[in-house]
Amino acid sequence: MRHTLMTVVALGVLWAMPAMASPEGDWARGDGKARVKIAPCGADLCAVNTWIKAGVKDEKVGDKLVMSVKNEGGTWKGRAFDPQRNLHYRLTITLGGEAMTTSGCVLGGLVCKKMTWTRI
């Protein structure tokens, strides 16, 4: 009886815990020029362009960013690879509700770019 009660309590605690926020899903870029779907691809996550605003140069539907990131207390950190441009980035993803901020750096942190996203 004691083991059954402990199991029920443990399951209740796990059920009551909030789900770990994940960047997986559909996102609209803050500048209104792109939408992506983030989903597992092997052991990594991939962000694939699902829509690009007409006239945007150097981006197209189907372009992919492969992200090797780990959750570090609500912030996802790691590396990303852009096969279209053959570039490797240091990447940080911060989630908050229905918003996401990505920050990527190349050249040892000399060139960085931050972008905001909204979950769609």
PDB file of N, CA and C in Angstrom:
ATOM      1  N   MET A   1       0.831  -1.193   0.000  1.00  0.00           N
ATOM      2  CA  MET A   1       0.000   0.000   0.000  1.00  0.00           C
ATOM      3  C   MET A   1       0.874   1.254   0.000  1.00  0.00           C
ATOM      4  N   ARG A   2       1.933   1.217   0.795  1.00  0.00           N
ATOM      5  CA  ARG A   2       2.817   2.377   0.887  1.00  0.00           C
ATOM      6  C   ARG A   2       3.454   2.682  -0.471  1.00  0.00           C
ATOM      7  N   HIS A   3       3.927   1.642  -1.195  1.00  0.00           N
ATOM      8  CA  HIS A   3       4.547   1.839  -2.506  1.00  0.00           C
ATOM      9  C   HIS A   3       3.539   2.410  -3.505  1.00  0.00           C
ATOM     10  N   THR A   4       2.291   1.924  -3.435  1.00  0.00           N
ATOM     11  CA  THR A   4       1.263   2.425  -4.339  1.00  0.00           C
ATOM     12  C   THR A   4       1.008   3.902  -4.082  1.00  0.00           C
ATOM     13  N   LEU A   5       0.926   4.302  -2.823  1.00  0.00           N
ATOM     14  CA  LEU A   5       0.705   5.694  -2.462  1.00  0.00           C
ATOM     15  C   LEU A   5       1.869   6.562  -2.943  1.00  0.00           C
ATOM     16  N   MET A   6       3.097   6.086  -2.773  1.00  0.00           N
ATOM     17  CA  MET A   6       4.265   6.845  -3.211  1.00  0.00           C
ATOM     18  C   MET A   6       4.252   7.009  -4.736  1.00  0.00           C
ATOM     19  N   THR A   7       3.853   5.963  -5.441  1.00  0.00           N
ATOM     20  CA  THR A   7       3.784   6.035  -6.903  1.00  0.00           C
ATOM     21  C   THR A   7       2.738   7.055  -7.331  1.00  0.00           C
ATOM     22  N   VAL A   8       1.575   7.030  -6.699  1.00  0.00           N
ATOM     23  CA  VAL A   8       0.508   7.981  -7.036  1.00  0.00           C
ATOM     24  C   VAL A   8       0.968   9.411  -6.765  1.00  0.00           C
ATOM     25  N   VAL A   9       1.631   9.648  -5.638  1.00  0.00           N
ATOM     26  CA  VAL A   9       2.135  10.987  -5.304  1.00  0.00           C
ATOM     27  C   VAL A   9       3.179  11.427  -6.327  1.00  0.00           C
ATOM     28  N   ALA A  10       4.104  10.541  -6.686  1.00  0.00           N
ATOM     29  CA  ALA A  10       5.145  10.880  -7.660  1.00  0.00           C
ATOM     30  C   ALA A  10       4.531  11.220  -9.007  1.00  0.00           C
ATOM     31  N   LEU A  11       3.562  10.447  -9.462  1.00  0.00           N
ATOM     32  CA  LEU A  11       2.896  10.726 -10.730  1.00  0.00           C
ATOM     33  C   LEU A  11       2.142  12.052 -10.673  1.00  0.00           C
ATOM     34  N   GLY A  12       1.535  12.346  -9.546  1.00  0.00           N
ATOM     35  CA  GLY A  12       0.832  13.617  -9.379  1.00  0.00           C
ATOM     36  C   GLY A  12       1.779  14.798  -9.461  1.00  0.00           C
ATOM     37  N   VAL A  13       2.952  14.684  -8.863  1.00  0.00           N
ATOM     38  CA  VAL A  13       3.949  15.749  -8.919  1.00  0.00           C
ATOM     39  C   VAL A  13       4.418  15.941 -10.351  1.00  0.00           C
ATOM     40  N   LEU A  14       4.709  14.865 -11.062  1.00  0.00           N
ATOM     41  CA  LEU A  14       5.140  14.970 -12.460  1.00  0.00           C
ATOM     42  C   LEU A  14       4.050  15.581 -13.325  1.00  0.00           C
ATOM     43  N   TRP A  15       2.800  15.206 -13.097  1.00  0.00           N
ATOM     44  CA  TRP A  15       1.701  15.732 -13.885  1.00  0.00           C
ATOM     45  C   TRP A  15       1.514  17.224 -13.636  1.00  0.00           C
ATOM     46  N   ALA A  16       1.741  17.673 -12.408  1.00  0.00           N
ATOM     47  CA  ALA A  16       1.527  19.076 -12.042  1.00  0.00           C
ATOM     48  C   ALA A  16       2.661  19.985 -12.513  1.00  0.00           C
ATOM     49  N   MET A  17       3.797  19.401 -12.855  1.00  0.00           N
ATOM     50  CA  MET A  17       4.923  20.218 -13.299  1.00  0.00           C
ATOM     51  C   MET A  17       4.612  20.834 -14.655  1.00  0.00           C
ATOM     52  N   PRO A  18       4.995  22.118 -14.872  1.00  0.00           N
ATOM     53  CA  PRO A  18       4.756  22.709 -16.183  1.00  0.00           C
ATOM     54  C   PRO A  18       5.599  22.035 -17.243  1.00  0.00           C
ATOM     55  N   ALA A  19       5.057  21.957 -18.449  1.00  0.00           N
ATOM     56  CA  ALA A  19       5.808  21.368 -19.558  1.00  0.00           C
ATOM     57  C   ALA A  19       7.000  22.257 -19.896  1.00  0.00           C
ATOM     58  N   MET A  20       8.121  21.632 -20.242  1.00  0.00           N
ATOM     59  CA  MET A  20       9.306  22.381 -20.618  1.00  0.00           C
ATOM     60  C   MET A  20       9.049  23.088 -21.942  1.00  0.00           C
ATOM     61  N   ALA A  21       9.223  24.408 -21.952  1.00  0.00           N
ATOM     62  CA  ALA A  21       8.989  25.177 -23.170  1.00  0.00           C
ATOM     63  C   ALA A  21       9.945  24.711 -24.257  1.00  0.00           C
ATOM     64  N   SER A  22       9.428  24.603 -25.458  1.00  0.00           N
ATOM     65  CA  SER A  22      10.217  24.138 -26.580  1.00  0.00           C
ATOM     66  C   SER A  22      10.033  25.090 -27.754  1.00  0.00           C
ATOM     67  N   PRO A  23      11.069  25.287 -28.550  1.00  0.00           N
ATOM     68  CA  PRO A  23      10.920  26.115 -29.736  1.00  0.00           C
ATOM     69  C   PRO A  23      10.197  25.413 -30.884  1.00  0.00           C
ATOM     70  N   GLU A  24       9.825  24.159 -30.709  1.00  0.00           N
ATOM     71  CA  GLU A  24       9.133  23.441 -31.783  1.00  0.00           C
ATOM     72  C   GLU A  24       7.801  24.111 -32.096  1.00  0.00           C
ATOM     73  N   GLY A  25       7.482  24.199 -33.393  1.00  0.00           N
ATOM     74  CA  GLY A  25       6.207  24.768 -33.808  1.00  0.00           C
ATOM     75  C   GLY A  25       6.385  25.711 -34.980  1.00  0.00           C
ATOM     76  N   ASP A  26       5.322  26.464 -35.268  1.00  0.00           N
ATOM     77  CA  ASP A  26       5.323  27.409 -36.382  1.00  0.00           C
ATOM     78  C   ASP A  26       5.509  28.823 -35.842  1.00  0.00           C
ATOM     79  N   TRP A  27       6.402  29.582 -36.495  1.00  0.00           N
ATOM     80  CA  TRP A  27       6.783  30.916 -36.025  1.00  0.00           C
ATOM     81  C   TRP A  27       6.789  31.921 -37.167  1.00  0.00           C
ATOM     82  N   ALA A  28       6.363  33.156 -36.856  1.00  0.00           N
ATOM     83  CA  ALA A  28       6.430  34.273 -37.802  1.00  0.00           C
ATOM     84  C   ALA A  28       7.531  35.220 -37.335  1.00  0.00           C
ATOM     85  N   ARG A  29       8.422  35.581 -38.242  1.00  0.00           N
ATOM     86  CA  ARG A  29       9.525  36.478 -37.915  1.00  0.00           C
ATOM     87  C   ARG A  29       8.986  37.875 -37.639  1.00  0.00           C
ATOM     88  N   GLY A  30       9.579  38.562 -36.688  1.00  0.00           N
ATOM     89  CA  GLY A  30       9.126  39.868 -36.241  1.00  0.00           C
ATOM     90  C   GLY A  30       9.082  40.932 -37.316  1.00  0.00           C
ATOM     91  N   ASP A  31       9.913  40.823 -38.336  1.00  0.00           N
ATOM     92  CA  ASP A  31       9.908  41.821 -39.411  1.00  0.00           C
ATOM     93  C   ASP A  31       8.860  41.519 -40.478  1.00  0.00           C
ATOM     94  N   GLY A  32       8.101  40.417 -40.308  1.00  0.00           N
ATOM     95  CA  GLY A  32       7.040  40.073 -41.243  1.00  0.00           C
ATOM     96  C   GLY A  32       7.500  39.499 -42.566  1.00  0.00           C
ATOM     97  N   LYS A  33       8.775  39.147 -42.669  1.00  0.00           N
ATOM     98  CA  LYS A  33       9.307  38.694 -43.961  1.00  0.00           C
ATOM     99  C   LYS A  33       9.447  37.184 -44.095  1.00  0.00           C
ATOM    100  N   ALA A  34       9.202  36.433 -43.015  1.00  0.00           N
ATOM    101  CA  ALA A  34       9.382  34.981 -43.105  1.00  0.00           C
ATOM    102  C   ALA A  34       8.572  34.263 -42.034  1.00  0.00           C
ATOM    103  N   ARG A  35       8.276  32.999 -42.347  1.00  0.00           N
ATOM    104  CA  ARG A  35       7.673  32.071 -41.384  1.00  0.00           C
ATOM    105  C   ARG A  35       8.467  30.781 -41.454  1.00  0.00           C
ATOM    106  N   VAL A  36       8.626  30.145 -40.301  1.00  0.00           N
ATOM    107  CA  VAL A  36       9.361  28.882 -40.241  1.00  0.00           C
ATOM    108  C   VAL A  36       8.595  27.858 -39.433  1.00  0.00           C
ATOM    109  N   LYS A  37       8.925  26.606 -39.684  1.00  0.00           N
ATOM    110  CA  LYS A  37       8.458  25.494 -38.857  1.00  0.00           C
ATOM    111  C   LYS A  37       9.690  24.891 -38.211  1.00  0.00           C
ATOM    112  N   ILE A  38       9.683  24.799 -36.890  1.00  0.00           N
ATOM    113  CA  ILE A  38      10.778  24.172 -36.155  1.00  0.00           C
ATOM    114  C   ILE A  38      10.299  22.801 -35.694  1.00  0.00           C
ATOM    115  N   ALA A  39      11.050  21.769 -36.070  1.00  0.00           N
ATOM    116  CA  ALA A  39      10.678  20.395 -35.749  1.00  0.00           C
ATOM    117  C   ALA A  39      11.938  19.553 -35.599  1.00  0.00           C
ATOM    118  N   PRO A  40      11.828  18.409 -34.913  1.00  0.00           N
ATOM    119  CA  PRO A  40      12.985  17.515 -34.808  1.00  0.00           C
ATOM    120  C   PRO A  40      13.446  17.038 -36.175  1.00  0.00           C
ATOM    121  N   CYS A  41      14.760  16.922 -36.320  1.00  0.00           N
ATOM    122  CA  CYS A  41      15.363  16.299 -37.513  1.00  0.00           C
ATOM    123  C   CYS A  41      16.562  15.517 -36.995  1.00  0.00           C
ATOM    124  N   GLY A  42      16.349  14.237 -36.787  1.00  0.00           N
ATOM    125  CA  GLY A  42      17.377  13.418 -36.149  1.00  0.00           C
ATOM    126  C   GLY A  42      17.517  13.843 -34.694  1.00  0.00           C
ATOM    127  N   ALA A  43      18.740  13.988 -34.229  1.00  0.00           N
ATOM    128  CA  ALA A  43      18.994  14.396 -32.850  1.00  0.00           C
ATOM    129  C   ALA A  43      18.904  15.915 -32.678  1.00  0.00           C
ATOM    130  N   ASP A  44      18.721  16.650 -33.769  1.00  0.00           N
ATOM    131  CA  ASP A  44      18.716  18.110 -33.750  1.00  0.00           C
ATOM    132  C   ASP A  44      17.310  18.649 -33.971  1.00  0.00           C
ATOM    133  N   LEU A  45      17.206  19.972 -34.033  1.00  0.00           N
ATOM    134  CA  LEU A  45      15.993  20.651 -34.456  1.00  0.00           C
ATOM    135  C   LEU A  45      16.298  21.350 -35.768  1.00  0.00           C
ATOM    136  N   CYS A  46      15.324  21.398 -36.657  1.00  0.00           N
ATOM    137  CA  CYS A  46      15.500  22.121 -37.915  1.00  0.00           C
ATOM    138  C   CYS A  46      14.428  23.190 -38.035  1.00  0.00           C
ATOM    139  N   ALA A  47      14.849  24.371 -38.456  1.00  0.00           N
ATOM    140  CA  ALA A  47      13.932  25.457 -38.786  1.00  0.00           C
ATOM    141  C   ALA A  47      13.895  25.534 -40.305  1.00  0.00           C
ATOM    142  N   VAL A  48      12.722  25.318 -40.876  1.00  0.00           N
ATOM    143  CA  VAL A  48      12.569  25.304 -42.331  1.00  0.00           C
ATOM    144  C   VAL A  48      11.640  26.446 -42.728  1.00  0.00           C
ATOM    145  N   ASN A  49      12.074  27.257 -43.672  1.00  0.00           N
ATOM    146  CA  ASN A  49      11.235  28.347 -44.179  1.00  0.00           C
ATOM    147  C   ASN A  49       9.991  27.768 -44.839  1.00  0.00           C
ATOM    148  N   THR A  50       8.817  28.207 -44.363  1.00  0.00           N
ATOM    149  CA  THR A  50       7.559  27.763 -44.959  1.00  0.00           C
ATOM    150  C   THR A  50       6.916  28.865 -45.796  1.00  0.00           C
ATOM    151  N   TRP A  51       7.344  30.104 -45.607  1.00  0.00           N
ATOM    152  CA  TRP A  51       6.827  31.249 -46.359  1.00  0.00           C
ATOM    153  C   TRP A  51       7.855  32.366 -46.312  1.00  0.00           C
ATOM    154  N   ILE A  52       8.090  33.006 -47.446  1.00  0.00           N
ATOM    155  CA  ILE A  52       8.990  34.152 -47.547  1.00  0.00           C
ATOM    156  C   ILE A  52       8.248  35.254 -48.289  1.00  0.00           C
ATOM    157  N   LYS A  53       8.269  36.463 -47.771  1.00  0.00           N
ATOM    158  CA  LYS A  53       7.605  37.601 -48.403  1.00  0.00           C
ATOM    159  C   LYS A  53       8.235  37.873 -49.766  1.00  0.00           C
ATOM    160  N   ALA A  54       7.397  38.179 -50.745  1.00  0.00           N
ATOM    161  CA  ALA A  54       7.875  38.477 -52.097  1.00  0.00           C
ATOM    162  C   ALA A  54       8.900  39.615 -52.046  1.00  0.00           C
ATOM    163  N   GLY A  55       9.978  39.453 -52.807  1.00  0.00           N
ATOM    164  CA  GLY A  55      11.014  40.478 -52.886  1.00  0.00           C
ATOM    165  C   GLY A  55      12.157  40.318 -51.906  1.00  0.00           C
ATOM    166  N   VAL A  56      12.034  39.373 -50.959  1.00  0.00           N
ATOM    167  CA  VAL A  56      13.129  39.142 -50.009  1.00  0.00           C
ATOM    168  C   VAL A  56      14.234  38.382 -50.723  1.00  0.00           C
ATOM    169  N   LYS A  57      15.430  38.949 -50.703  1.00  0.00           N
ATOM    170  CA  LYS A  57      16.574  38.325 -51.378  1.00  0.00           C
ATOM    171  C   LYS A  57      17.273  37.338 -50.450  1.00  0.00           C
ATOM    172  N   ASP A  58      17.940  36.381 -51.039  1.00  0.00           N
ATOM    173  CA  ASP A  58      18.790  35.412 -50.345  1.00  0.00           C
ATOM    174  C   ASP A  58      18.046  34.461 -49.418  1.00  0.00           C
ATOM    175  N   GLU A  59      16.726  34.400 -49.508  1.00  0.00           N
ATOM    176  CA  GLU A  59      15.965  33.426 -48.733  1.00  0.00           C
ATOM    177  C   GLU A  59      14.882  32.853 -49.624  1.00  0.00           C
ATOM    178  N   LYS A  60      14.568  31.564 -49.385  1.00  0.00           N
ATOM    179  CA  LYS A  60      13.490  30.950 -50.147  1.00  0.00           C
ATOM    180  C   LYS A  60      12.808  29.874 -49.301  1.00  0.00           C
ATOM    181  N   VAL A  61      11.588  29.537 -49.695  1.00  0.00           N
ATOM    182  CA  VAL A  61      10.855  28.467 -49.031  1.00  0.00           C
ATOM    183  C   VAL A  61      11.685  27.193 -49.148  1.00  0.00           C
ATOM    184  N   GLY A  62      11.788  26.465 -48.047  1.00  0.00           N
ATOM    185  CA  GLY A  62      12.550  25.217 -48.021  1.00  0.00           C
ATOM    186  C   GLY A  62      13.949  25.364 -47.455  1.00  0.00           C
ATOM    187  N   ASP A  63      14.477  26.600 -47.386  1.00  0.00           N
ATOM    188  CA  ASP A  63      15.784  26.789 -46.743  1.00  0.00           C
ATOM    189  C   ASP A  63      15.704  26.269 -45.317  1.00  0.00           C
ATOM    190  N   LYS A  64      16.798  25.666 -44.846  1.00  0.00           N
ATOM    191  CA  LYS A  64      16.799  24.995 -43.553  1.00  0.00           C
ATOM    192  C   LYS A  64      17.968  25.475 -42.702  1.00  0.00           C
ATOM    193  N   LEU A  65      17.736  25.580 -41.391  1.00  0.00           N
ATOM    194  CA  LEU A  65      18.777  25.834 -40.406  1.00  0.00           C
ATOM    195  C   LEU A  65      18.765  24.652 -39.450  1.00  0.00           C
ATOM    196  N   VAL A  66      19.882  23.943 -39.325  1.00  0.00           N
ATOM    197  CA  VAL A  66      19.987  22.782 -38.435  1.00  0.00           C
ATOM    198  C   VAL A  66      20.551  23.258 -37.105  1.00  0.00           C
ATOM    199  N   MET A  67      19.774  23.044 -36.025  1.00  0.00           N
ATOM    200  CA  MET A  67      20.133  23.568 -34.708  1.00  0.00           C
ATOM    201  C   MET A  67      20.446  22.432 -33.732  1.00  0.00           C
ATOM    202  N   SER A  68      21.652  22.450 -33.202  1.00  0.00           N
ATOM    203  CA  SER A  68      22.058  21.504 -32.161  1.00  0.00           C
ATOM    204  C   SER A  68      22.050  22.279 -30.853  1.00  0.00           C
ATOM    205  N   VAL A  69      20.889  22.298 -30.187  1.00  0.00           N
ATOM    206  CA  VAL A  69      20.712  23.112 -28.988  1.00  0.00           C
ATOM    207  C   VAL A  69      20.216  22.263 -27.821  1.00  0.00           C
ATOM    208  N   LYS A  70      20.505  22.751 -26.616  1.00  0.00           N
ATOM    209  CA  LYS A  70      20.042  22.098 -25.395  1.00  0.00           C
ATOM    210  C   LYS A  70      19.410  23.135 -24.495  1.00  0.00           C
ATOM    211  N   ASN A  71      18.362  22.713 -23.787  1.00  0.00           N
ATOM    212  CA  ASN A  71      17.687  23.602 -22.852  1.00  0.00           C
ATOM    213  C   ASN A  71      18.561  23.777 -21.619  1.00  0.00           C
ATOM    214  N   GLU A  72      18.883  25.017 -21.308  1.00  0.00           N
ATOM    215  CA  GLU A  72      19.679  25.348 -20.122  1.00  0.00           C
ATOM    216  C   GLU A  72      18.859  26.265 -19.231  1.00  0.00           C
ATOM    217  N   GLY A  73      17.835  25.691 -18.598  1.00  0.00           N
ATOM    218  CA  GLY A  73      17.012  26.469 -17.686  1.00  0.00           C
ATOM    219  C   GLY A  73      16.087  27.456 -18.375  1.00  0.00           C
ATOM    220  N   GLY A  74      15.488  27.069 -19.483  1.00  0.00           N
ATOM    221  CA  GLY A  74      14.553  27.931 -20.183  1.00  0.00           C
ATOM    222  C   GLY A  74      15.147  28.635 -21.387  1.00  0.00           C
ATOM    223  N   THR A  75      16.453  28.655 -21.482  1.00  0.00           N
ATOM    224  CA  THR A  75      17.138  29.214 -22.658  1.00  0.00           C
ATOM    225  C   THR A  75      17.807  28.065 -23.378  1.00  0.00           C
ATOM    226  N   TRP A  76      17.620  28.006 -24.678  1.00  0.00           N
ATOM    227  CA  TRP A  76      18.218  26.950 -25.494  1.00  0.00           C
ATOM    228  C   TRP A  76      19.508  27.489 -26.081  1.00  0.00           C
ATOM    229  N   LYS A  77      20.601  26.761 -25.876  1.00  0.00           N
ATOM    230  CA  LYS A  77      21.906  27.221 -26.361  1.00  0.00           C
ATOM    231  C   LYS A  77      22.609  26.107 -27.118  1.00  0.00           C
ATOM    232  N   GLY A  78      23.421  26.536 -28.091  1.00  0.00           N
ATOM    233  CA  GLY A  78      24.194  25.555 -28.843  1.00  0.00           C
ATOM    234  C   GLY A  78      24.705  26.145 -30.140  1.00  0.00           C
ATOM    235  N   ARG A  79      24.691  25.304 -31.178  1.00  0.00           N
ATOM    236  CA  ARG A  79      25.236  25.686 -32.485  1.00  0.00           C
ATOM    237  C   ARG A  79      24.165  25.480 -33.545  1.00  0.00           C
ATOM    238  N   ALA A  80      24.334  26.198 -34.640  1.00  0.00           N
ATOM    239  CA  ALA A  80      23.437  26.037 -35.779  1.00  0.00           C
ATOM    240  C   ALA A  80      24.271  26.014 -37.046  1.00  0.00           C
ATOM    241  N   PHE A  81      23.756  25.298 -38.040  1.00  0.00           N
ATOM    242  CA  PHE A  81      24.421  25.226 -39.336  1.00  0.00           C
ATOM    243  C   PHE A  81      23.428  25.606 -40.421  1.00  0.00           C
ATOM    244  N   ASP A  82      23.836  26.539 -41.278  1.00  0.00           N
ATOM    245  CA  ASP A  82      23.046  26.981 -42.416  1.00  0.00           C
ATOM    246  C   ASP A  82      23.673  26.370 -43.664  1.00  0.00           C
ATOM    247  N   PRO A  83      23.122  25.247 -44.178  1.00  0.00           N
ATOM    248  CA  PRO A  83      23.738  24.582 -45.332  1.00  0.00           C
ATOM    249  C   PRO A  83      23.669  25.405 -46.625  1.00  0.00           C
ATOM    250  N   GLN A  84      22.699  26.316 -46.741  1.00  0.00           N
ATOM    251  CA  GLN A  84      22.589  27.143 -47.951  1.00  0.00           C
ATOM    252  C   GLN A  84      23.779  28.109 -48.074  1.00  0.00           C
ATOM    253  N   ARG A  85      24.277  28.583 -46.949  1.00  0.00           N
ATOM    254  CA  ARG A  85      25.375  29.553 -46.938  1.00  0.00           C
ATOM    255  C   ARG A  85      26.677  28.957 -46.404  1.00  0.00           C
ATOM    256  N   ASN A  86      26.620  27.690 -45.991  1.00  0.00           N
ATOM    257  CA  ASN A  86      27.759  26.998 -45.403  1.00  0.00           C
ATOM    258  C   ASN A  86      28.339  27.786 -44.216  1.00  0.00           C
ATOM    259  N   LEU A  87      27.445  28.235 -43.323  1.00  0.00           N
ATOM    260  CA  LEU A  87      27.859  29.003 -42.148  1.00  0.00           C
ATOM    261  C   LEU A  87      27.466  28.277 -40.872  1.00  0.00           C
ATOM    262  N   HIS A  88      28.347  28.348 -39.875  1.00  0.00           N
ATOM    263  CA  HIS A  88      28.087  27.823 -38.535  1.00  0.00           C
ATOM    264  C   HIS A  88      27.886  29.004 -37.593  1.00  0.00           C
ATOM    265  N   TYR A  89      26.889  28.905 -36.724  1.00  0.00           N
ATOM    266  CA  TYR A  89      26.559  29.972 -35.794  1.00  0.00           C
ATOM    267  C   TYR A  89      26.606  29.466 -34.366  1.00  0.00           C
ATOM    268  N   ARG A  90      26.894  30.354 -33.448  1.00  0.00           N
ATOM    269  CA  ARG A  90      26.626  30.123 -32.030  1.00  0.00           C
ATOM    270  C   ARG A  90      25.209  30.646 -31.831  1.00  0.00           C
ATOM    271  N   LEU A  91      24.313  29.871 -31.238  1.00  0.00           N
ATOM    272  CA  LEU A  91      22.892  30.197 -31.202  1.00  0.00           C
ATOM    273  C   LEU A  91      22.344  30.172 -29.786  1.00  0.00           C
ATOM    274  N   THR A  92      21.504  31.175 -29.487  1.00  0.00           N
ATOM    275  CA  THR A  92      20.746  31.224 -28.244  1.00  0.00           C
ATOM    276  C   THR A  92      19.295  31.475 -28.593  1.00  0.00           C
ATOM    277  N   ILE A  93      18.397  30.669 -28.019  1.00  0.00           N
ATOM    278  CA  ILE A  93      16.956  30.817 -28.219  1.00  0.00           C
ATOM    279  C   ILE A  93      16.336  31.052 -26.846  1.00  0.00           C
ATOM    280  N   THR A  94      15.578  32.153 -26.722  1.00  0.00           N
ATOM    281  CA  THR A  94      14.883  32.470 -25.484  1.00  0.00           C
ATOM    282  C   THR A  94      13.392  32.459 -25.753  1.00  0.00           C
ATOM    283  N   LEU A  95      12.656  31.702 -24.940  1.00  0.00           N
ATOM    284  CA  LEU A  95      11.214  31.577 -25.112  1.00  0.00           C
ATOM    285  C   LEU A  95      10.492  32.277 -23.976  1.00  0.00           C
ATOM    286  N   GLY A  96       9.367  32.903 -24.303  1.00  0.00           N
ATOM    287  CA  GLY A  96       8.526  33.542 -23.300  1.00  0.00           C
ATOM    288  C   GLY A  96       7.092  33.584 -23.785  1.00  0.00           C
ATOM    289  N   GLY A  97       6.263  32.683 -23.300  1.00  0.00           N
ATOM    290  CA  GLY A  97       4.875  32.624 -23.752  1.00  0.00           C
ATOM    291  C   GLY A  97       4.806  32.266 -25.220  1.00  0.00           C
ATOM    292  N   GLU A  98       4.193  33.123 -25.999  1.00  0.00           N
ATOM    293  CA  GLU A  98       4.049  32.893 -27.441  1.00  0.00           C
ATOM    294  C   GLU A  98       5.117  33.636 -28.236  1.00  0.00           C
ATOM    295  N   ALA A  99       6.185  34.073 -27.571  1.00  0.00           N
ATOM    296  CA  ALA A  99       7.265  34.821 -28.223  1.00  0.00           C
ATOM    297  C   ALA A  99       8.575  34.059 -28.112  1.00  0.00           C
ATOM    298  N   MET A 100       9.443  34.294 -29.085  1.00  0.00           N
ATOM    299  CA  MET A 100      10.761  33.684 -29.102  1.00  0.00           C
ATOM    300  C   MET A 100      11.749  34.734 -29.616  1.00  0.00           C
ATOM    301  N   THR A 101      12.933  34.748 -29.022  1.00  0.00           N
ATOM    302  CA  THR A 101      14.019  35.597 -29.511  1.00  0.00           C
ATOM    303  C   THR A 101      15.186  34.689 -29.849  1.00  0.00           C
ATOM    304  N   THR A 102      15.741  34.868 -31.037  1.00  0.00           N
ATOM    305  CA  THR A 102      16.920  34.114 -31.436  1.00  0.00           C
ATOM    306  C   THR A 102      18.083  35.079 -31.577  1.00  0.00           C
ATOM    307  N   SER A 103      19.253  34.622 -31.174  1.00  0.00           N
ATOM    308  CA  SER A 103      20.470  35.408 -31.321  1.00  0.00           C
ATOM    309  C   SER A 103      21.550  34.482 -31.860  1.00  0.00           C
ATOM    310  N   GLY A 104      22.089  34.853 -33.008  1.00  0.00           N
ATOM    311  CA  GLY A 104      23.110  34.029 -33.640  1.00  0.00           C
ATOM    312  C   GLY A 104      24.355  34.846 -33.924  1.00  0.00           C
ATOM    313  N   CYS A 105      25.520  34.233 -33.720  1.00  0.00           N
ATOM    314  CA  CYS A 105      26.793  34.911 -33.939  1.00  0.00           C
ATOM    315  C   CYS A 105      27.710  34.045 -34.802  1.00  0.00           C
ATOM    316  N   VAL A 106      28.468  34.709 -35.674  1.00  0.00           N
ATOM    317  CA  VAL A 106      29.488  34.060 -36.498  1.00  0.00           C
ATOM    318  C   VAL A 106      30.808  34.768 -36.261  1.00  0.00           C
ATOM    319  N   LEU A 107      31.863  34.205 -36.811  1.00  0.00           N
ATOM    320  CA  LEU A 107      33.208  34.789 -36.712  1.00  0.00           C
ATOM    321  C   LEU A 107      33.619  35.045 -35.269  1.00  0.00           C
ATOM    322  N   GLY A 108      33.399  34.031 -34.430  1.00  0.00           N
ATOM    323  CA  GLY A 108      33.804  34.132 -33.034  1.00  0.00           C
ATOM    324  C   GLY A 108      33.080  35.216 -32.262  1.00  0.00           C
ATOM    325  N   GLY A 109      31.868  35.562 -32.681  1.00  0.00           N
ATOM    326  CA  GLY A 109      31.079  36.567 -31.987  1.00  0.00           C
ATOM    327  C   GLY A 109      31.258  37.975 -32.518  1.00  0.00           C
ATOM    328  N   LEU A 110      32.019  38.138 -33.602  1.00  0.00           N
ATOM    329  CA  LEU A 110      32.231  39.471 -34.172  1.00  0.00           C
ATOM    330  C   LEU A 110      30.982  39.998 -34.875  1.00  0.00           C
ATOM    331  N   VAL A 111      30.191  39.092 -35.468  1.00  0.00           N
ATOM    332  CA  VAL A 111      28.973  39.485 -36.165  1.00  0.00           C
ATOM    333  C   VAL A 111      27.807  38.719 -35.541  1.00  0.00           C
ATOM    334  N   CYS A 112      26.867  39.464 -34.950  1.00  0.00           N
ATOM    335  CA  CYS A 112      25.714  38.843 -34.310  1.00  0.00           C
ATOM    336  C   CYS A 112      24.431  39.482 -34.806  1.00  0.00           C
ATOM    337  N   LYS A 113      23.352  38.689 -34.786  1.00  0.00           N
ATOM    338  CA  LYS A 113      22.049  39.193 -35.201  1.00  0.00           C
ATOM    339  C   LYS A 113      21.002  38.626 -34.258  1.00  0.00           C
ATOM    340  N   LYS A 114      20.078  39.485 -33.841  1.00  0.00           N
ATOM    341  CA  LYS A 114      18.985  39.090 -32.948  1.00  0.00           C
ATOM    342  C   LYS A 114      17.676  39.264 -33.708  1.00  0.00           C
ATOM    343  N   MET A 115      16.750  38.320 -33.522  1.00  0.00           N
ATOM    344  CA  MET A 115      15.463  38.385 -34.215  1.00  0.00           C
ATOM    345  C   MET A 115      14.365  37.948 -33.235  1.00  0.00           C
ATOM    346  N   THR A 116      13.213  38.600 -33.318  1.00  0.00           N
ATOM    347  CA  THR A 116      12.061  38.201 -32.521  1.00  0.00           C
ATOM    348  C   THR A 116      11.087  37.435 -33.405  1.00  0.00           C
ATOM    349  N   TRP A 117      10.325  36.523 -32.781  1.00  0.00           N
ATOM    350  CA  TRP A 117       9.384  35.664 -33.479  1.00  0.00           C
ATOM    351  C   TRP A 117       8.107  35.561 -32.654  1.00  0.00           C
ATOM    352  N   THR A 118       6.990  35.309 -33.326  1.00  0.00           N
ATOM    353  CA  THR A 118       5.707  35.089 -32.671  1.00  0.00           C
ATOM    354  C   THR A 118       5.171  33.731 -33.098  1.00  0.00           C
ATOM    355  N   ARG A 119       4.693  32.958 -32.112  1.00  0.00           N
ATOM    356  CA  ARG A 119       4.151  31.633 -32.441  1.00  0.00           C
ATOM    357  C   ARG A 119       2.848  31.801 -33.231  1.00  0.00           C
ATOM    358  N   ILE A 120       2.715  31.016 -34.311  1.00  0.00           N
ATOM    359  CA  ILE A 120       1.487  31.065 -35.111  1.00  0.00           C
ATOM    360  C   ILE A 120       0.824  29.698 -35.133  1.00  0.00           C
TER     361      ILE A 120
END
